Amino acid sequence: MRHGLFCAKTLAVWTAGVILISGCGGGSDNSAPSEIRPTAKALAMGRVQEAGPVLNVAVLSLTKVGEKRISRTVYEYVFRISIKNSGSAYTGFVSSILSAGQGTTVLDGQVNVGDISADAVVMPADTVMLRHDRTIAFRPEALVWTFVGVPVAEIINGIVVPPLPNPALNQSTLAGVDTNRDGIRDDIERLIAQKFWQDKDSLVLIRLNMKTLQSALVSPSVDTVQASINTFRCTRDDALLTKLDEVARAVLDTPLRRGTYGKVFAGVEINREGC
């Protein structure tokens, strides 16, 4: 019996990312840059460029709430930031400045945001502190931010599942989004909870099968392929095999995933000896 479609599982975890902010500049030898001088004026951040895996979050603005003169040209500034979350809700969310431009030193770059709702704009009470030499123009676009947060899990039919992943990000790689790092894509775990929650016995096997299929796709080897086959090779229940096939087709939802599946399982025979 040749290997057909069947396969995978999911859950939720924290993700981190780096976002490079684009914005404005200005300044002179003896006075604060015009963007900094007004005490309560927000600095528009402009275009956002992503660098590496990121959450769907951006810093929209800096608002100066304090300043202190250190020397003739060096000042310390305290800013509040506004953050836009275009993705799912997070808890324990932290935003940090990874690095700054020339003339700027980060004294306290971490902002503890806490909980942030989906599709929300917030201005946390926590602040950042920067030291800047005003002989050099202050460049908000040179700030590089990192974001870390724990996705708020959802409950579907009594089963805890991760939040719905960003479709573009989820389909951009072979592995997709697995925020809890349990070996199953988030969208597949949600699908299993939506469609097969009533059959508790089948649910366990479906999740195991999806997990082993994902492992065979992402880390192909004799062992991972055999582990995937072993989860269903002795199954005679046609209804269960149909369920496995349905979820497997959801796993193989891009040309890259289907192509990889074809290569990994090419010519594989299912041996039911001992069943």
C-alpha atoms as a PDB file:
ATOM      1  CA  MET A   1       0.000   0.000   0.000  1.00  0.00           C
ATOM      2  CA  ARG A   2       1.545   3.291  -1.085  1.00  0.00           C
ATOM      3  CA  HIS A   3       1.444   6.246   1.259  1.00  0.00           C
ATOM      4  CA  GLY A   4      -1.419   8.630   0.499  1.00  0.00           C
ATOM      5  CA  LEU A   5      -2.474  11.823   2.229  1.00  0.00           C
ATOM      6  CA  PHE A   6      -3.001  11.972   5.984  1.00  0.00           C
ATOM      7  CA  CYS A   7      -1.312  14.125   8.797  1.00  0.00           C
ATOM      8  CA  ALA A   8      -0.256  17.000  11.598  1.00  0.00           C
ATOM      9  CA  LYS A   9      -1.138  19.028  14.878  1.00  0.00           C
ATOM     10  CA  THR A  10      -0.687  22.505  16.655  1.00  0.00           C
ATOM     11  CA  LEU A  11      -0.793  24.908  19.704  1.00  0.00           C
ATOM     12  CA  ALA A  12       0.640  28.327  20.927  1.00  0.00           C
ATOM     13  CA  VAL A  13       3.885  30.044  22.251  1.00  0.00           C
ATOM     14  CA  TRP A  14       5.668  33.393  22.447  1.00  0.00           C
ATOM     15  CA  THR A  15       7.219  35.033  19.425  1.00  0.00           C
ATOM     16  CA  ALA A  16       9.766  37.791  19.135  1.00  0.00           C
ATOM     17  CA  GLY A  17      10.697  40.161  16.364  1.00  0.00           C
ATOM     18  CA  VAL A  18      12.708  43.180  15.332  1.00  0.00           C
ATOM     19  CA  ILE A  19      11.212  46.200  13.622  1.00  0.00           C
ATOM     20  CA  LEU A  20      13.221  49.031  12.118  1.00  0.00           C
ATOM     21  CA  ILE A  21      11.397  52.347  12.441  1.00  0.00           C
ATOM     22  CA  SER A  22      11.556  55.027   9.781  1.00  0.00           C
ATOM     23  CA  GLY A  23      10.793  58.611  10.747  1.00  0.00           C
ATOM     24  CA  CYS A  24      12.156  62.140  10.989  1.00  0.00           C
ATOM     25  CA  GLY A  25      15.239  64.030  12.206  1.00  0.00           C
ATOM     26  CA  GLY A  26      16.598  67.515  12.934  1.00  0.00           C
ATOM     27  CA  GLY A  27      18.651  69.397  15.492  1.00  0.00           C
ATOM     28  CA  SER A  28      21.394  71.969  16.069  1.00  0.00           C
ATOM     29  CA  ASP A  29      24.445  72.550  18.265  1.00  0.00           C
ATOM     30  CA  ASN A  30      22.766  74.393  21.120  1.00  0.00           C
ATOM     31  CA  SER A  31      19.104  73.492  21.043  1.00  0.00           C
ATOM     32  CA  ALA A  32      17.039  70.337  21.000  1.00  0.00           C
ATOM     33  CA  PRO A  33      15.967  69.020  17.607  1.00  0.00           C
ATOM     34  CA  SER A  34      12.580  70.459  16.686  1.00  0.00           C
ATOM     35  CA  GLU A  35      10.986  67.008  17.006  1.00  0.00           C
ATOM     36  CA  ILE A  36      12.105  66.756  20.635  1.00  0.00           C
ATOM     37  CA  ARG A  37      11.623  70.296  21.939  1.00  0.00           C
ATOM     38  CA  PRO A  38       7.810  70.397  22.466  1.00  0.00           C
ATOM     39  CA  THR A  39       7.193  68.579  25.733  1.00  0.00           C
ATOM     40  CA  ALA A  40       4.039  66.710  24.746  1.00  0.00           C
ATOM     41  CA  LYS A  41       4.453  66.489  20.959  1.00  0.00           C
ATOM     42  CA  ALA A  42       4.384  63.014  19.417  1.00  0.00           C
ATOM     43  CA  LEU A  43       7.033  62.003  16.882  1.00  0.00           C
ATOM     44  CA  ALA A  44       5.524  60.256  13.882  1.00  0.00           C
ATOM     45  CA  MET A  45       7.518  57.124  13.088  1.00  0.00           C
ATOM     46  CA  GLY A  46       6.718  56.948   9.371  1.00  0.00           C
ATOM     47  CA  ARG A  47       7.234  53.782   7.304  1.00  0.00           C
ATOM     48  CA  VAL A  48       7.908  50.501   9.111  1.00  0.00           C
ATOM     49  CA  GLN A  49      10.394  48.028   7.726  1.00  0.00           C
ATOM     50  CA  GLU A  50      10.391  44.489   9.138  1.00  0.00           C
ATOM     51  CA  ALA A  51      13.661  42.664   9.760  1.00  0.00           C
ATOM     52  CA  GLY A  52      13.393  38.997  10.687  1.00  0.00           C
ATOM     53  CA  PRO A  53      10.389  37.208  12.209  1.00  0.00           C
ATOM     54  CA  VAL A  54       8.092  39.762  13.820  1.00  0.00           C
ATOM     55  CA  LEU A  55       4.830  40.176  15.594  1.00  0.00           C
ATOM     56  CA  ASN A  56       2.268  42.323  13.768  1.00  0.00           C
ATOM     57  CA  VAL A  57       3.217  45.297  15.929  1.00  0.00           C
ATOM     58  CA  ALA A  58       4.721  48.731  15.248  1.00  0.00           C
ATOM     59  CA  VAL A  59       5.775  51.766  17.285  1.00  0.00           C
ATOM     60  CA  LEU A  60       3.757  54.675  15.939  1.00  0.00           C
ATOM     61  CA  SER A  61       5.226  57.602  17.867  1.00  0.00           C
ATOM     62  CA  LEU A  62       7.449  58.911  20.657  1.00  0.00           C
ATOM     63  CA  THR A  63       6.058  61.580  22.982  1.00  0.00           C
ATOM     64  CA  LYS A  64       8.554  63.505  25.118  1.00  0.00           C
ATOM     65  CA  VAL A  65       7.488  63.703  28.767  1.00  0.00           C
ATOM     66  CA  GLY A  66      10.735  64.872  30.357  1.00  0.00           C
ATOM     67  CA  GLU A  67      14.272  66.075  29.768  1.00  0.00           C
ATOM     68  CA  LYS A  68      17.423  66.738  31.809  1.00  0.00           C
ATOM     69  CA  ARG A  69      20.559  68.647  30.799  1.00  0.00           C
ATOM     70  CA  ILE A  70      23.770  66.662  31.367  1.00  0.00           C
ATOM     71  CA  SER A  71      26.287  68.976  29.704  1.00  0.00           C
ATOM     72  CA  ARG A  72      26.353  71.834  27.199  1.00  0.00           C
ATOM     73  CA  THR A  73      25.149  69.622  24.351  1.00  0.00           C
ATOM     74  CA  VAL A  74      24.130  66.350  25.999  1.00  0.00           C
ATOM     75  CA  TYR A  75      20.591  65.864  27.311  1.00  0.00           C
ATOM     76  CA  GLU A  76      18.575  62.980  28.681  1.00  0.00           C
ATOM     77  CA  TYR A  77      15.047  62.558  27.340  1.00  0.00           C
ATOM     78  CA  VAL A  78      12.133  60.506  28.611  1.00  0.00           C
ATOM     79  CA  PHE A  79       9.570  59.333  26.082  1.00  0.00           C
ATOM     80  CA  ARG A  80       6.286  57.489  26.116  1.00  0.00           C
ATOM     81  CA  ILE A  81       5.596  55.392  23.057  1.00  0.00           C
ATOM     82  CA  SER A  82       2.402  54.518  21.229  1.00  0.00           C
ATOM     83  CA  ILE A  83       2.134  50.996  19.844  1.00  0.00           C
ATOM     84  CA  LYS A  84      -0.183  49.582  17.211  1.00  0.00           C
ATOM     85  CA  ASN A  85      -0.996  45.864  17.329  1.00  0.00           C
ATOM     86  CA  SER A  86      -2.400  44.680  14.005  1.00  0.00           C
ATOM     87  CA  GLY A  87      -2.433  41.032  15.056  1.00  0.00           C
ATOM     88  CA  SER A  88      -3.844  38.839  17.813  1.00  0.00           C
ATOM     89  CA  ALA A  89      -4.065  39.723  21.499  1.00  0.00           C
ATOM     90  CA  TYR A  90      -0.950  39.263  23.654  1.00  0.00           C
ATOM     91  CA  THR A  91      -0.168  39.157  27.333  1.00  0.00           C
ATOM     92  CA  GLY A  92       3.162  39.903  28.995  1.00  0.00           C
ATOM     93  CA  PHE A  93       4.035  42.111  26.040  1.00  0.00           C
ATOM     94  CA  VAL A  94       7.392  43.911  26.183  1.00  0.00           C
ATOM     95  CA  SER A  95       8.834  46.402  23.709  1.00  0.00           C
ATOM     96  CA  SER A  96      12.563  47.194  23.821  1.00  0.00           C
ATOM     97  CA  ILE A  97      15.006  49.395  21.934  1.00  0.00           C
ATOM     98  CA  LEU A  98      17.731  47.159  20.579  1.00  0.00           C
ATOM     99  CA  SER A  99      19.935  49.959  19.250  1.00  0.00           C
ATOM    100  CA  ALA A 100      19.897  53.672  18.389  1.00  0.00           C
ATOM    101  CA  GLY A 101      21.583  55.999  15.915  1.00  0.00           C
ATOM    102  CA  GLN A 102      24.747  58.051  16.176  1.00  0.00           C
ATOM    103  CA  GLY A 103      24.790  60.450  19.114  1.00  0.00           C
ATOM    104  CA  THR A 104      22.064  58.557  20.990  1.00  0.00           C
ATOM    105  CA  THR A 105      22.611  56.238  23.946  1.00  0.00           C
ATOM    106  CA  VAL A 106      19.854  53.995  25.274  1.00  0.00           C
ATOM    107  CA  LEU A 107      19.682  54.322  29.075  1.00  0.00           C
ATOM    108  CA  ASP A 108      16.376  52.511  29.551  1.00  0.00           C
ATOM    109  CA  GLY A 109      14.902  51.046  26.388  1.00  0.00           C
ATOM    110  CA  GLN A 110      12.379  48.581  27.795  1.00  0.00           C
ATOM    111  CA  VAL A 111       8.642  49.249  27.952  1.00  0.00           C
ATOM    112  CA  ASN A 112       6.457  46.792  29.834  1.00  0.00           C
ATOM    113  CA  VAL A 113       3.192  46.967  27.927  1.00  0.00           C
ATOM    114  CA  GLY A 114       1.417  44.089  29.675  1.00  0.00           C
ATOM    115  CA  ASP A 115      -1.784  43.025  27.919  1.00  0.00           C
ATOM    116  CA  ILE A 116      -2.476  44.328  24.433  1.00  0.00           C
ATOM    117  CA  SER A 117      -5.719  43.586  22.612  1.00  0.00           C
ATOM    118  CA  ALA A 118      -6.023  42.561  18.991  1.00  0.00           C
ATOM    119  CA  ASP A 119      -6.108  45.456  16.512  1.00  0.00           C
ATOM    120  CA  ALA A 120      -5.441  48.002  19.278  1.00  0.00           C
ATOM    121  CA  VAL A 121      -3.367  51.162  19.679  1.00  0.00           C
ATOM    122  CA  VAL A 122      -1.980  51.737  23.185  1.00  0.00           C
ATOM    123  CA  MET A 123       0.297  54.228  24.945  1.00  0.00           C
ATOM    124  CA  PRO A 124       1.770  52.418  27.979  1.00  0.00           C
ATOM    125  CA  ALA A 125       2.583  54.334  31.156  1.00  0.00           C
ATOM    126  CA  ASP A 126       6.102  52.877  31.143  1.00  0.00           C
ATOM    127  CA  THR A 127       8.723  55.014  29.390  1.00  0.00           C
ATOM    128  CA  VAL A 128      12.078  54.867  27.633  1.00  0.00           C
ATOM    129  CA  MET A 129      15.076  57.068  28.449  1.00  0.00           C
ATOM    130  CA  LEU A 130      17.584  58.201  25.833  1.00  0.00           C
ATOM    131  CA  ARG A 131      20.735  60.307  26.189  1.00  0.00           C
ATOM    132  CA  HIS A 132      21.459  62.391  23.114  1.00  0.00           C
ATOM    133  CA  ASP A 133      24.248  64.711  21.974  1.00  0.00           C
ATOM    134  CA  ARG A 134      22.458  67.591  20.278  1.00  0.00           C
ATOM    135  CA  THR A 135      25.406  68.391  18.020  1.00  0.00           C
ATOM    136  CA  ILE A 136      24.100  65.420  16.022  1.00  0.00           C
ATOM    137  CA  ALA A 137      20.582  65.315  14.600  1.00  0.00           C
ATOM    138  CA  PHE A 138      18.277  62.975  16.520  1.00  0.00           C
ATOM    139  CA  ARG A 139      17.048  60.211  14.191  1.00  0.00           C
ATOM    140  CA  PRO A 140      13.969  58.267  15.366  1.00  0.00           C
ATOM    141  CA  GLU A 141      14.265  56.136  12.218  1.00  0.00           C
ATOM    142  CA  ALA A 142      17.546  54.725  13.553  1.00  0.00           C
ATOM    143  CA  LEU A 143      15.860  53.133  16.569  1.00  0.00           C
ATOM    144  CA  VAL A 144      15.584  49.361  16.248  1.00  0.00           C
ATOM    145  CA  TRP A 145      12.841  47.792  18.371  1.00  0.00           C
ATOM    146  CA  THR A 146      12.296  44.253  19.581  1.00  0.00           C
ATOM    147  CA  PHE A 147       8.927  42.887  20.655  1.00  0.00           C
ATOM    148  CA  VAL A 148       8.154  39.861  22.803  1.00  0.00           C
ATOM    149  CA  GLY A 149       4.727  38.645  23.877  1.00  0.00           C
ATOM    150  CA  VAL A 150       2.721  35.548  24.713  1.00  0.00           C
ATOM    151  CA  PRO A 151      -0.287  35.072  22.408  1.00  0.00           C
ATOM    152  CA  VAL A 152      -3.552  34.893  24.306  1.00  0.00           C
ATOM    153  CA  ALA A 153      -4.941  31.417  23.727  1.00  0.00           C
ATOM    154  CA  GLU A 154      -8.489  30.900  22.542  1.00  0.00           C
ATOM    155  CA  ILE A 155     -10.965  28.134  23.315  1.00  0.00           C
ATOM    156  CA  ILE A 156     -12.721  26.325  20.475  1.00  0.00           C
ATOM    157  CA  ASN A 157     -15.287  23.692  21.458  1.00  0.00           C
ATOM    158  CA  GLY A 158     -13.711  23.433  24.898  1.00  0.00           C
ATOM    159  CA  ILE A 159     -10.177  22.960  23.509  1.00  0.00           C
ATOM    160  CA  VAL A 160      -7.431  25.524  24.139  1.00  0.00           C
ATOM    161  CA  VAL A 161      -5.893  26.589  20.833  1.00  0.00           C
ATOM    162  CA  PRO A 162      -3.440  29.278  19.720  1.00  0.00           C
ATOM    163  CA  PRO A 163      -4.628  32.486  18.064  1.00  0.00           C
ATOM    164  CA  LEU A 164      -5.236  32.517  14.329  1.00  0.00           C
ATOM    165  CA  PRO A 165      -1.860  33.128  12.649  1.00  0.00           C
ATOM    166  CA  ASN A 166      -1.212  35.783  10.044  1.00  0.00           C
ATOM    167  CA  PRO A 167      -1.974  33.973   6.742  1.00  0.00           C
ATOM    168  CA  ALA A 168       0.901  35.512   4.787  1.00  0.00           C
ATOM    169  CA  LEU A 169       3.430  34.685   7.506  1.00  0.00           C
ATOM    170  CA  ASN A 170       1.972  31.206   8.015  1.00  0.00           C
ATOM    171  CA  GLN A 171       2.276  30.323   4.336  1.00  0.00           C
ATOM    172  CA  SER A 172       5.642  31.930   3.693  1.00  0.00           C
ATOM    173  CA  THR A 173       7.676  28.966   4.981  1.00  0.00           C
ATOM    174  CA  LEU A 174       7.502  25.195   4.977  1.00  0.00           C
ATOM    175  CA  ALA A 175       7.044  25.020   8.772  1.00  0.00           C
ATOM    176  CA  GLY A 176       4.484  27.825   9.052  1.00  0.00           C
ATOM    177  CA  VAL A 177       3.527  29.314  12.429  1.00  0.00           C
ATOM    178  CA  ASP A 178       3.752  27.127  15.534  1.00  0.00           C
ATOM    179  CA  THR A 179       3.689  29.615  18.392  1.00  0.00           C
ATOM    180  CA  ASN A 180       3.749  27.069  21.199  1.00  0.00           C
ATOM    181  CA  ARG A 181       6.428  24.964  19.511  1.00  0.00           C
ATOM    182  CA  ASP A 182       4.573  21.728  20.041  1.00  0.00           C
ATOM    183  CA  GLY A 183       5.195  20.545  16.492  1.00  0.00           C
ATOM    184  CA  ILE A 184       1.806  21.406  15.001  1.00  0.00           C
ATOM    185  CA  ARG A 185       0.917  24.499  13.001  1.00  0.00           C
ATOM    186  CA  ASP A 186      -1.476  26.869  14.744  1.00  0.00           C
ATOM    187  CA  ASP A 187      -4.024  26.879  11.914  1.00  0.00           C
ATOM    188  CA  ILE A 188      -4.106  23.069  11.856  1.00  0.00           C
ATOM    189  CA  GLU A 189      -4.688  22.825  15.582  1.00  0.00           C
ATOM    190  CA  ARG A 190      -7.601  25.222  15.253  1.00  0.00           C
ATOM    191  CA  LEU A 191      -9.021  23.164  12.385  1.00  0.00           C
ATOM    192  CA  ILE A 192      -8.835  19.966  14.434  1.00  0.00           C
ATOM    193  CA  ALA A 193     -10.632  21.614  17.357  1.00  0.00           C
ATOM    194  CA  GLN A 194     -13.326  22.981  15.065  1.00  0.00           C
ATOM    195  CA  LYS A 195     -14.107  19.792  13.140  1.00  0.00           C
ATOM    196  CA  PHE A 196     -13.186  16.788  15.288  1.00  0.00           C
ATOM    197  CA  TRP A 197     -13.693  17.880  18.895  1.00  0.00           C
ATOM    198  CA  GLN A 198     -16.573  15.480  19.556  1.00  0.00           C
ATOM    199  CA  ASP A 199     -14.559  12.313  18.822  1.00  0.00           C
ATOM    200  CA  LYS A 200     -12.120  12.300  21.747  1.00  0.00           C
ATOM    201  CA  ASP A 201     -10.437   9.015  20.779  1.00  0.00           C
ATOM    202  CA  SER A 202      -9.882  10.075  17.175  1.00  0.00           C
ATOM    203  CA  LEU A 203      -8.731  13.505  18.336  1.00  0.00           C
ATOM    204  CA  VAL A 204      -5.653  12.043  20.024  1.00  0.00           C
ATOM    205  CA  LEU A 205      -4.653  10.067  16.931  1.00  0.00           C
ATOM    206  CA  ILE A 206      -5.335  12.965  14.556  1.00  0.00           C
ATOM    207  CA  ARG A 207      -3.152  15.306  16.600  1.00  0.00           C
ATOM    208  CA  LEU A 208      -0.344  12.733  16.793  1.00  0.00           C
ATOM    209  CA  ASN A 209      -0.580  12.065  13.072  1.00  0.00           C
ATOM    210  CA  MET A 210      -0.425  15.762  12.232  1.00  0.00           C
ATOM    211  CA  LYS A 211       2.557  16.246  14.525  1.00  0.00           C
ATOM    212  CA  THR A 212       4.525  13.394  12.973  1.00  0.00           C
ATOM    213  CA  LEU A 213       3.647  14.524   9.435  1.00  0.00           C
ATOM    214  CA  GLN A 214       4.882  18.042  10.213  1.00  0.00           C
ATOM    215  CA  SER A 215       8.118  16.573  11.574  1.00  0.00           C
ATOM    216  CA  ALA A 216       8.611  14.465   8.438  1.00  0.00           C
ATOM    217  CA  LEU A 217       8.102  17.524   6.224  1.00  0.00           C
ATOM    218  CA  VAL A 218      10.346  19.893   8.169  1.00  0.00           C
ATOM    219  CA  SER A 219      13.030  17.358   9.251  1.00  0.00           C
ATOM    220  CA  PRO A 220      12.812  14.498   6.736  1.00  0.00           C
ATOM    221  CA  SER A 221      14.586  11.273   7.647  1.00  0.00           C
ATOM    222  CA  VAL A 222      13.913   7.539   7.681  1.00  0.00           C
ATOM    223  CA  ASP A 223      12.844   7.822  11.329  1.00  0.00           C
ATOM    224  CA  THR A 224      10.491  10.814  10.950  1.00  0.00           C
ATOM    225  CA  VAL A 225       8.831   9.344   7.857  1.00  0.00           C
ATOM    226  CA  GLN A 226       8.337   5.989   9.580  1.00  0.00           C
ATOM    227  CA  ALA A 227       6.959   7.688  12.696  1.00  0.00           C
ATOM    228  CA  SER A 228       4.370   9.436  10.513  1.00  0.00           C
ATOM    229  CA  ILE A 229       3.347   6.163   8.841  1.00  0.00           C
ATOM    230  CA  ASN A 230       3.162   4.318  12.156  1.00  0.00           C
ATOM    231  CA  THR A 231       0.426   6.627  13.431  1.00  0.00           C
ATOM    232  CA  PHE A 232      -2.085   5.234  10.937  1.00  0.00           C
ATOM    233  CA  ARG A 233      -0.680   2.105   9.249  1.00  0.00           C
ATOM    234  CA  CYS A 234      -2.771  -0.282  11.397  1.00  0.00           C
ATOM    235  CA  THR A 235      -5.939   1.831  11.172  1.00  0.00           C
ATOM    236  CA  ARG A 236      -8.829   0.037   9.399  1.00  0.00           C
ATOM    237  CA  ASP A 237     -11.496   2.611  10.236  1.00  0.00           C
ATOM    238  CA  ASP A 238     -12.412   4.272   6.924  1.00  0.00           C
ATOM    239  CA  ALA A 239     -14.121   7.186   8.662  1.00  0.00           C
ATOM    240  CA  LEU A 240     -10.971   7.925  10.664  1.00  0.00           C
ATOM    241  CA  LEU A 241      -8.767   7.617   7.578  1.00  0.00           C
ATOM    242  CA  THR A 242     -11.041  10.115   5.839  1.00  0.00           C
ATOM    243  CA  LYS A 243     -10.552  12.556   8.727  1.00  0.00           C
ATOM    244  CA  LEU A 244      -6.785  12.099   8.604  1.00  0.00           C
ATOM    245  CA  ASP A 245      -6.836  12.702   4.863  1.00  0.00           C
ATOM    246  CA  GLU A 246      -8.881  15.897   5.276  1.00  0.00           C
ATOM    247  CA  VAL A 247      -6.510  17.397   7.822  1.00  0.00           C
ATOM    248  CA  ALA A 248      -3.457  16.277   5.834  1.00  0.00           C
ATOM    249  CA  ARG A 249      -4.740  18.165   2.804  1.00  0.00           C
ATOM    250  CA  ALA A 250      -5.014  21.275   4.996  1.00  0.00           C
ATOM    251  CA  VAL A 251      -1.392  20.776   6.055  1.00  0.00           C
ATOM    252  CA  LEU A 252      -0.304  20.550   2.412  1.00  0.00           C
ATOM    253  CA  ASP A 253      -1.878  23.861   1.445  1.00  0.00           C
ATOM    254  CA  THR A 254       0.975  25.427  -0.544  1.00  0.00           C
ATOM    255  CA  PRO A 255       3.014  24.292  -3.555  1.00  0.00           C
ATOM    256  CA  LEU A 256       6.129  24.149  -1.361  1.00  0.00           C
ATOM    257  CA  ARG A 257       4.467  21.866   1.177  1.00  0.00           C
ATOM    258  CA  ARG A 258       2.920  19.616  -1.469  1.00  0.00           C
ATOM    259  CA  GLY A 259       6.203  19.408  -3.350  1.00  0.00           C
ATOM    260  CA  THR A 260       8.120  18.554  -0.195  1.00  0.00           C
ATOM    261  CA  TYR A 261       5.553  15.902   0.714  1.00  0.00           C
ATOM    262  CA  GLY A 262       5.923  14.314  -2.728  1.00  0.00           C
ATOM    263  CA  LYS A 263       9.698  14.140  -2.383  1.00  0.00           C
ATOM    264  CA  VAL A 264       9.767  12.921   1.223  1.00  0.00           C
ATOM    265  CA  PHE A 265       7.180  10.164   0.777  1.00  0.00           C
ATOM    266  CA  ALA A 266       7.981   9.221  -2.826  1.00  0.00           C
ATOM    267  CA  GLY A 267       7.803   5.435  -3.240  1.00  0.00           C
ATOM    268  CA  VAL A 268       7.103   4.811   0.450  1.00  0.00           C
ATOM    269  CA  GLU A 269       5.224   1.535   1.028  1.00  0.00           C
ATOM    270  CA  ILE A 270       2.935   1.026   4.028  1.00  0.00           C
ATOM    271  CA  ASN A 271       3.608  -2.359   5.595  1.00  0.00           C
ATOM    272  CA  ARG A 272       0.687  -3.634   7.691  1.00  0.00           C
ATOM    273  CA  GLU A 273       2.550  -6.712   8.810  1.00  0.00           C
ATOM    274  CA  GLY A 274       1.967  -7.294  12.521  1.00  0.00           C
ATOM    275  CA  CYS A 275      -1.284  -5.304  12.614  1.00  0.00           C
END
